[in-house]
């Protein structure tokens, strides 16, 4: 279940709408911080790459969420 959520959140982080990008990052952050979910190395790399990409986003809100 967490695997499909994680993929959905990564897709949202690529969305054209800044609100979707922000919420995708927020939801992924919450999923990562939850105690009942673990990620393998490949999933961790994808998450890190998605957050790093958001550091160059046009929206300062999205950038701020990536920093968090």
Protein backbone atom coordinates (compact mmCIF):
# COMPACT_ATOMS: atom_id res chain seq x y z
CA UNK A 1 0.00 0.00 0.00
CA UNK A 2 2.76 2.45 0.89
CA UNK A 3 4.42 1.58 -2.41
CA UNK A 4 1.48 2.87 -4.44
CA UNK A 5 1.11 5.97 -2.25
CA UNK A 6 4.78 6.75 -2.68
CA UNK A 7 4.50 6.52 -6.48
CA UNK A 8 1.39 8.69 -6.52
CA UNK A 9 3.11 11.37 -4.42
CA UNK A 10 6.14 11.36 -6.71
CA UNK A 11 3.82 11.89 -9.69
CA UNK A 12 2.09 14.76 -7.90
CA UNK A 13 5.46 16.38 -7.26
CA UNK A 14 5.88 16.60 -11.06
CA UNK A 15 2.40 18.09 -11.68
CA UNK A 16 2.02 21.36 -13.57
CA UNK A 17 -0.05 22.90 -10.74
CA UNK A 18 2.04 24.25 -7.88
CA UNK A 19 -0.61 23.25 -5.32
CA UNK A 20 -0.40 19.62 -6.45
CA UNK A 21 3.41 19.75 -6.31
CA UNK A 22 3.24 21.18 -2.79
CA UNK A 23 0.72 18.61 -1.55
CA UNK A 24 2.63 15.76 -3.18
CA UNK A 25 5.76 16.84 -1.32
CA UNK A 26 3.84 17.28 1.92
CA UNK A 27 2.17 13.87 1.66
CA UNK A 28 5.45 12.17 0.76
CA UNK A 29 7.16 13.86 3.69
CA UNK A 30 4.43 12.61 6.03
CA UNK A 31 4.75 9.10 4.61
CA UNK A 32 8.52 9.12 5.05
CA UNK A 33 8.22 10.34 8.63
CA UNK A 34 5.67 7.70 9.63
CA UNK A 35 7.00 4.86 11.75
CA UNK A 36 5.33 2.02 9.88
CA UNK A 37 6.92 2.58 6.45
CA UNK A 38 10.43 1.69 5.31
CA UNK A 39 12.04 2.48 1.97
CA UNK A 40 14.70 0.54 0.13
CA UNK A 41 17.67 2.30 -1.46
CA UNK A 42 15.99 2.75 -4.84
CA UNK A 43 12.90 4.38 -3.33
CA UNK A 44 15.07 6.61 -1.16
CA UNK A 45 17.04 7.79 -4.20
CA UNK A 46 13.84 8.61 -6.09
CA UNK A 47 12.46 10.59 -3.14
CA UNK A 48 15.69 12.50 -2.64
CA UNK A 49 15.90 13.32 -6.35
CA UNK A 50 12.30 14.57 -6.36
CA UNK A 51 12.93 16.86 -3.36
CA UNK A 52 16.18 18.16 -4.84
CA UNK A 53 14.40 18.96 -8.10
CA UNK A 54 11.81 20.96 -6.16
CA UNK A 55 14.52 23.19 -4.74
CA UNK A 56 14.59 24.86 -8.20
CA UNK A 57 10.80 25.15 -8.44
CA UNK A 58 9.21 28.46 -9.51
CA UNK A 59 7.01 28.47 -6.41
CA UNK A 60 8.63 29.51 -3.13
CA UNK A 61 6.05 27.45 -1.23
CA UNK A 62 7.11 24.30 -3.09
CA UNK A 63 10.76 25.15 -2.50
CA UNK A 64 10.07 25.63 1.21
CA UNK A 65 8.35 22.26 1.46
CA UNK A 66 11.32 20.60 -0.25
CA UNK A 67 13.65 22.19 2.29
CA UNK A 68 11.54 20.89 5.14
